[in-house]
Structure formats: C-alpha cells, structure tokens
Amino acid sequence: MIASSRRSSAIVLRQFYLMRGSIARVLPLFAWVGIDMVLWGFMSRYLNALAGGRSNFVGTLLGSVLLWDFFTRVMQGVTMTFFEDVWSRNFLNIFASPLRVSEYLSGLVMSSMITSFVGLMFMFVLASGAFGLSFLSYGVMLIPALLLLFLFGIALGIAATGMVLRLGPASEWFVWPIPALIGPFAAVYYPLTTLPRWMQYVGLVVPPSYVFQNIRSVMAGRDVSWGRLGIGAGLCLVYLLLACWFFWRMYRHAVRTGLLARYSSETVS
C-alpha cells in the first residue's frame, strides 16, 4: 500500500518539477480562468444593471461560469499530465517500470486535484474581490456541486486519455473541444427546459446539468433537490468506472498490438 502511494506520488512529483521549471506550464493555471472571470464578471454586472436589481447574475451566471471552469480544469489536469508523457516520448518508459495502471491513473487524478483546486482558489479570489461573488450564498449546496463536477471531470479526463492511447498522439485534438461540446447540454447558462426536447433528454444523462439546475434553484430561494443531486452522483460513479475500464482496455490493446512500443507523435492507428 505504501509502495503504491509512493509510485502514484511520483507522477505528481514529476509534474511539479516540470511546472517549477517552466512558466509556460504554470501560466495556463491562471491566465485563461482569469480572462473568463473578468469577461463574465463585467457581463454579469451589465445584466444586473439591465434587470434593475430584480436578479443577481453575479451569483447565478458568474458562479456557474466559475464552476464550469473548475470542471474544465479538472478534466484537463488529467489529460495534460498524460500528454506530458506523450510529448516527451516517456510513455513507454513509464510502463516499463513496476508502475501499475491503477497507480498511474491515481497519479493523474492527484495531479488534477492539485492543479484544479489551485485554479479554483484563484478564480474565487478574483471573482469575490472584483465582482462580489460569495460562495456562502450557495450554502451547503457548494460541497456536492464541486464533488460532482470533480468526479465527472476525472471520468472524462480518463476516457479522453484512453482515446488518445488508442488512436495515437495526433488525436489529442479530439480532447480539447470536449467541454465545449458538453456545455450546451449541461445547463450551465440557462435552464434545461430552454433546450429542445431531444437535447433535454441528453442533458438528463450529463451530471453537471443536475448541479447547475440546483445552483439556480438556490439562488432563486428554493430548496436543493437532493434527489436530483443523487442521480447526478450515481451517473458520475458509473461514468468513472466505465472510464477506468475503457482506459484499461485501450492500454491492453496497445500492449498486445505493440503500439505502446511505437508510440510517437505521428502514430495514429
């Protein structure tokens, strides 16, 4: 057990050394989320002025953007740690060591946890200091909201790495648009009922939709729907198990076919 945790921690330590030696790796933790907070912060202020105080768009719109950025950071925290091994041609060396797949995935998750929560704290300080956003207005709802978004982000990140492992490094361009493709179904900026019927059905199997629907309910003074959050949590766990299974299958395929030994930026098969 101790050896397993040390091997997983080694993945995190390697990522720390990479970031410590490169400002280009550290800057994205703050730059893009900072731009989002400023852009949506001023937009929320403008909408508050139009609404004449009848609605608080800082709490609903800016808060939702912040939570969605957190989810995106979680997913990309997993994939970026994986891509560092791909780009440095280190993937074969990683699995030539005694490191198990479960330990490698644990290291990816731990790296993502650290980087995403650093980004979350930065976003919160910026949003609260510049635009008056208070997480206290969400009450106890904030804890399950962050947990569900974290679990779903981890599940998507692991599934995306499995896809790249199967198709090759050039397929990383399929990974970056994933949050944008899911966003319309997640009810981040509007209620799920705004969507066409078929999109609502898709939204019902996207866990973040249960989070953001509840966020809007809390900000409107209504009670939290714990039943819906429970459905979202169940979906997150199912997706997480499926993602781990998918990564394992793709890894076994790469080993059996010899793709792992030929892994390079030109390999797509």
Protein backbone atom coordinates (compact mmCIF):
# COMPACT_ATOMS: atom_id res chain seq x y z
CA MET A 1 0.00 0.00 0.00
CA ILE A 2 2.83 2.38 0.89
CA ALA A 3 4.72 1.47 -2.29
CA SER A 4 1.57 2.04 -4.33
CA SER A 5 1.02 5.52 -2.90
CA ARG A 6 4.69 6.39 -3.41
CA ARG A 7 4.51 5.40 -7.08
CA SER A 8 1.39 7.48 -7.61
CA SER A 9 3.01 10.40 -5.79
CA ALA A 10 6.00 10.11 -8.12
CA ILE A 11 3.72 11.05 -11.03
CA VAL A 12 2.65 14.15 -9.11
CA LEU A 13 6.25 14.98 -8.19
CA ARG A 14 7.34 14.74 -11.81
CA GLN A 15 4.57 17.15 -12.80
CA PHE A 16 5.64 19.52 -10.03
CA TYR A 17 9.23 19.56 -11.30
CA LEU A 18 8.03 20.21 -14.85
CA MET A 19 5.88 23.14 -13.76
CA ARG A 20 8.54 24.55 -11.45
CA GLY A 21 10.95 24.80 -14.35
CA SER A 22 8.57 26.30 -16.91
CA ILE A 23 6.45 29.44 -16.63
CA ALA A 24 4.63 28.30 -19.78
CA ARG A 25 3.17 25.39 -17.82
CA VAL A 26 2.20 27.49 -14.79
CA LEU A 27 0.64 30.44 -16.62
CA PRO A 28 -2.34 28.49 -18.06
CA LEU A 29 -3.44 27.67 -14.50
CA PHE A 30 -4.30 31.34 -14.02
CA ALA A 31 -4.45 33.10 -17.39
CA TRP A 32 -7.50 31.55 -19.06
CA VAL A 33 -9.61 31.30 -15.92
CA GLY A 34 -8.69 34.90 -15.10
CA ILE A 35 -9.86 36.03 -18.53
CA ASP A 36 -13.15 34.15 -18.07
CA MET A 37 -13.75 35.69 -14.65
CA VAL A 38 -13.14 39.23 -15.93
CA LEU A 39 -15.24 38.77 -19.09
CA TRP A 40 -18.22 37.12 -17.38
CA GLY A 41 -17.87 39.32 -14.31
CA PHE A 42 -18.45 42.51 -16.29
CA MET A 43 -21.18 40.83 -18.30
CA SER A 44 -22.93 39.85 -15.05
CA ARG A 45 -22.68 43.43 -13.79
CA TYR A 46 -24.19 44.69 -17.04
CA LEU A 47 -27.09 42.23 -16.83
CA ASN A 48 -27.67 43.22 -13.19
CA ALA A 49 -27.96 46.84 -14.30
CA LEU A 50 -30.48 45.89 -17.00
CA ALA A 51 -32.50 43.82 -14.54
CA GLY A 52 -32.69 46.75 -12.11
CA GLY A 53 -31.83 44.66 -9.07
CA ARG A 54 -34.53 42.04 -9.71
CA SER A 55 -31.94 39.32 -10.38
CA ASN A 56 -28.41 38.60 -9.21
CA PHE A 57 -26.48 37.49 -12.28
CA VAL A 58 -23.20 37.56 -10.36
CA GLY A 59 -24.39 34.67 -8.21
CA THR A 60 -26.05 32.70 -10.98
CA LEU A 61 -24.14 33.42 -14.19
CA LEU A 62 -20.64 34.21 -12.88
CA GLY A 63 -20.87 31.46 -10.26
CA SER A 64 -21.89 28.94 -12.91
CA VAL A 65 -19.02 30.00 -15.18
CA LEU A 66 -16.61 29.61 -12.28
CA LEU A 67 -17.85 26.08 -11.52
CA TRP A 68 -17.74 25.13 -15.21
CA ASP A 69 -14.17 26.39 -15.47
CA PHE A 70 -13.35 24.26 -12.43
CA PHE A 71 -14.77 21.20 -14.20
CA THR A 72 -12.75 22.00 -17.31
CA ARG A 73 -9.55 22.39 -15.24
CA VAL A 74 -10.19 19.00 -13.61
CA MET A 75 -10.53 17.23 -16.93
CA GLN A 76 -7.56 18.99 -18.47
CA GLY A 77 -5.49 18.34 -15.35
CA VAL A 78 -5.75 14.62 -16.10
CA THR A 79 -5.14 14.90 -19.83
CA MET A 80 -2.26 17.39 -19.57
CA THR A 81 -0.34 15.17 -17.15
CA PHE A 82 -0.82 12.30 -19.58
CA PHE A 83 0.21 14.44 -22.57
CA GLU A 84 3.45 15.41 -20.83
CA ASP A 85 4.47 11.75 -21.01
CA VAL A 86 3.34 11.51 -24.63
CA TRP A 87 5.12 14.66 -25.78
CA SER A 88 8.36 13.71 -24.05
CA ARG A 89 8.24 10.14 -25.51
CA ASN A 90 8.25 8.91 -21.92
CA PHE A 91 5.15 6.77 -22.03
CA LEU A 92 6.97 3.53 -22.81
CA ASN A 93 9.48 4.19 -20.02
CA ILE A 94 6.63 4.75 -17.55
CA PHE A 95 5.09 1.34 -18.17
CA ALA A 96 8.42 -0.44 -18.45
CA SER A 97 8.74 0.34 -14.72
CA PRO A 98 6.87 -1.58 -11.97
CA LEU A 99 4.17 1.11 -12.07
CA ARG A 100 0.69 -0.39 -12.40
CA VAL A 101 -2.11 1.13 -14.47
CA SER A 102 -4.15 1.86 -11.33
CA GLU A 103 -1.17 3.67 -9.79
CA TYR A 104 -0.65 5.70 -12.95
CA LEU A 105 -4.31 6.72 -13.04
CA SER A 106 -4.14 7.62 -9.35
CA GLY A 107 -1.18 9.87 -10.10
CA LEU A 108 -3.12 11.58 -12.90
CA VAL A 109 -6.07 12.15 -10.56
CA MET A 110 -3.86 13.53 -7.79
CA SER A 111 -2.16 15.93 -10.20
CA SER A 112 -5.51 17.11 -11.49
CA MET A 113 -6.82 17.58 -7.95
CA ILE A 114 -3.94 19.87 -7.01
CA THR A 115 -3.92 22.00 -10.17
CA SER A 116 -7.72 22.34 -10.37
CA PHE A 117 -8.08 23.45 -6.76
CA VAL A 118 -5.26 25.97 -7.19
CA GLY A 119 -7.20 27.35 -10.15
CA LEU A 120 -10.44 27.29 -8.13
CA MET A 121 -8.92 29.35 -5.32
CA PHE A 122 -7.55 31.87 -7.81
CA MET A 123 -10.94 32.19 -9.52
CA PHE A 124 -12.72 32.61 -6.21
CA VAL A 125 -10.34 35.34 -5.02
CA LEU A 126 -10.68 37.20 -8.31
CA ALA A 127 -14.47 36.80 -8.57
CA SER A 128 -15.13 37.72 -4.94
CA GLY A 129 -12.65 40.59 -4.80
CA ALA A 130 -13.54 42.20 -8.11
CA PHE A 131 -17.22 41.34 -8.51
CA GLY A 132 -18.51 40.46 -5.04
CA LEU A 133 -19.25 36.78 -5.68
CA SER A 134 -19.78 34.91 -2.40
CA PHE A 135 -19.76 31.13 -2.18
CA LEU A 136 -21.67 31.46 1.10
CA SER A 137 -24.78 32.26 -0.93
CA TYR A 138 -24.77 28.68 -2.24
CA GLY A 139 -24.80 27.25 1.28
CA VAL A 140 -24.22 23.53 1.72
CA MET A 141 -25.02 23.00 -1.98
CA LEU A 142 -21.46 24.05 -2.86
CA ILE A 143 -19.85 20.88 -1.49
CA PRO A 144 -21.80 18.31 -3.57
CA ALA A 145 -21.60 20.64 -6.57
CA LEU A 146 -17.80 20.67 -6.50
CA LEU A 147 -17.66 16.93 -5.80
CA LEU A 148 -19.91 16.00 -8.74
CA LEU A 149 -18.06 18.28 -11.15
CA PHE A 150 -14.75 16.88 -9.94
CA LEU A 151 -15.83 13.25 -10.41
CA PHE A 152 -17.27 13.90 -13.86
CA GLY A 153 -14.16 15.83 -14.88
CA ILE A 154 -11.95 12.95 -13.76
CA ALA A 155 -14.11 10.44 -15.64
CA LEU A 156 -13.94 12.46 -18.87
CA GLY A 157 -10.21 13.02 -18.45
CA ILE A 158 -9.50 9.31 -18.06
CA ALA A 159 -11.77 8.44 -21.00
CA ALA A 160 -10.02 11.06 -23.15
CA THR A 161 -6.57 9.68 -22.30
CA GLY A 162 -7.79 6.21 -23.21
CA MET A 163 -8.96 7.52 -26.58
CA VAL A 164 -5.59 9.14 -27.26
CA LEU A 165 -3.83 5.96 -26.13
CA ARG A 166 -5.84 4.00 -28.70
CA LEU A 167 -5.73 6.43 -31.64
CA GLY A 168 -2.32 7.99 -31.11
CA PRO A 169 -0.97 11.40 -30.02
CA ALA A 170 -2.39 13.28 -33.02
CA SER A 171 -5.89 12.52 -31.69
CA GLU A 172 -5.30 14.91 -28.80
CA TRP A 173 -7.17 17.47 -30.90
CA PHE A 174 -10.31 15.46 -30.23
CA VAL A 175 -9.84 16.12 -26.50
CA TRP A 176 -9.78 19.93 -26.31
CA PRO A 177 -13.34 20.52 -27.64
CA ILE A 178 -14.99 18.03 -25.24
CA PRO A 179 -16.06 20.60 -22.57
CA ALA A 180 -17.43 22.90 -25.27
CA LEU A 181 -19.42 20.02 -26.80
CA ILE A 182 -20.89 19.04 -23.43
CA GLY A 183 -21.60 22.62 -22.32
CA PRO A 184 -24.89 23.14 -24.23
CA PHE A 185 -26.38 20.01 -22.59
CA ALA A 186 -25.09 20.84 -19.08
CA ALA A 187 -27.47 23.77 -18.48
CA VAL A 188 -24.59 25.98 -17.37
CA TYR A 189 -26.03 29.29 -18.57
CA TYR A 190 -29.76 28.54 -18.84
CA PRO A 191 -32.38 26.09 -17.50
CA LEU A 192 -32.60 22.68 -19.12
CA THR A 193 -36.16 23.45 -20.19
CA THR A 194 -34.81 26.08 -22.59
CA LEU A 195 -33.42 23.35 -24.82
CA PRO A 196 -35.29 21.35 -27.48
CA ARG A 197 -36.80 18.12 -26.23
CA TRP A 198 -34.09 15.85 -27.63
CA MET A 199 -31.35 17.99 -26.06
CA GLN A 200 -33.16 17.83 -22.71
CA TYR A 201 -33.02 14.04 -22.87
CA VAL A 202 -29.28 14.19 -23.49
CA GLY A 203 -28.93 16.70 -20.64
CA LEU A 204 -30.54 14.23 -18.25
CA VAL A 205 -27.54 11.90 -18.62
CA VAL A 206 -24.99 14.72 -18.20
CA PRO A 207 -24.26 15.02 -14.44
CA PRO A 208 -23.37 18.77 -14.44
CA SER A 209 -26.94 19.59 -15.51
CA TYR A 210 -28.15 18.48 -12.07
CA VAL A 211 -25.57 20.74 -10.42
CA PHE A 212 -26.43 23.89 -12.34
CA GLN A 213 -30.17 23.36 -12.10
CA ASN A 214 -29.77 23.26 -8.32
CA ILE A 215 -27.49 26.30 -8.35
CA ARG A 216 -30.24 28.33 -9.98
CA SER A 217 -32.81 26.98 -7.53
CA VAL A 218 -30.70 28.02 -4.53
CA MET A 219 -30.11 31.50 -5.93
CA ALA A 220 -33.88 31.83 -6.51
CA GLY A 221 -34.55 30.99 -2.87
CA ARG A 222 -35.83 27.45 -3.43
CA ASP A 223 -34.69 24.25 -1.73
CA VAL A 224 -31.95 21.96 -3.01
CA SER A 225 -33.22 18.85 -4.82
CA TRP A 226 -31.10 16.21 -3.12
CA GLY A 227 -32.78 13.51 -5.19
CA ARG A 228 -31.54 15.07 -8.42
CA LEU A 229 -28.07 15.50 -6.96
CA GLY A 230 -28.18 11.82 -6.03
CA ILE A 231 -28.95 10.94 -9.66
CA GLY A 232 -26.05 13.10 -10.77
CA ALA A 233 -23.73 11.42 -8.26
CA GLY A 234 -24.81 7.98 -9.44
CA LEU A 235 -24.14 8.91 -13.06
CA CYS A 236 -20.70 10.25 -12.12
CA LEU A 237 -19.74 6.99 -10.44
CA VAL A 238 -20.97 4.93 -13.39
CA TYR A 239 -19.02 7.10 -15.84
CA LEU A 240 -15.91 6.93 -13.68
CA LEU A 241 -15.99 3.13 -13.58
CA LEU A 242 -16.60 2.97 -17.34
CA ALA A 243 -13.74 5.40 -17.99
CA CYS A 244 -11.29 3.32 -15.93
CA TRP A 245 -12.42 0.16 -17.69
CA PHE A 246 -12.05 1.87 -21.08
CA PHE A 247 -8.53 3.08 -20.29
CA TRP A 248 -7.54 -0.42 -19.14
CA ARG A 249 -8.87 -1.97 -22.37
CA MET A 250 -7.06 0.59 -24.51
CA TYR A 251 -3.85 0.00 -22.57
CA ARG A 252 -4.12 -3.78 -23.04
CA HIS A 253 -4.76 -3.24 -26.75
CA ALA A 254 -1.69 -1.00 -27.04
CA VAL A 255 0.44 -3.65 -25.33
CA ARG A 256 -0.86 -6.58 -27.40
CA THR A 257 -0.52 -4.81 -30.74
CA GLY A 258 2.89 -3.29 -29.96
CA LEU A 259 1.50 0.24 -30.33
CA LEU A 260 2.96 1.14 -26.94
CA ALA A 261 6.49 0.49 -28.24
CA ARG A 262 5.89 2.53 -31.40
CA TYR A 263 4.22 5.46 -29.66
CA SER A 264 5.22 8.70 -31.39
CA SER A 265 3.57 11.95 -32.45
CA GLU A 266 2.99 10.53 -35.94
CA THR A 267 1.26 7.36 -34.76
CA VAL A 268 -2.48 7.24 -35.37
CA SER A 269 -3.87 3.74 -35.83
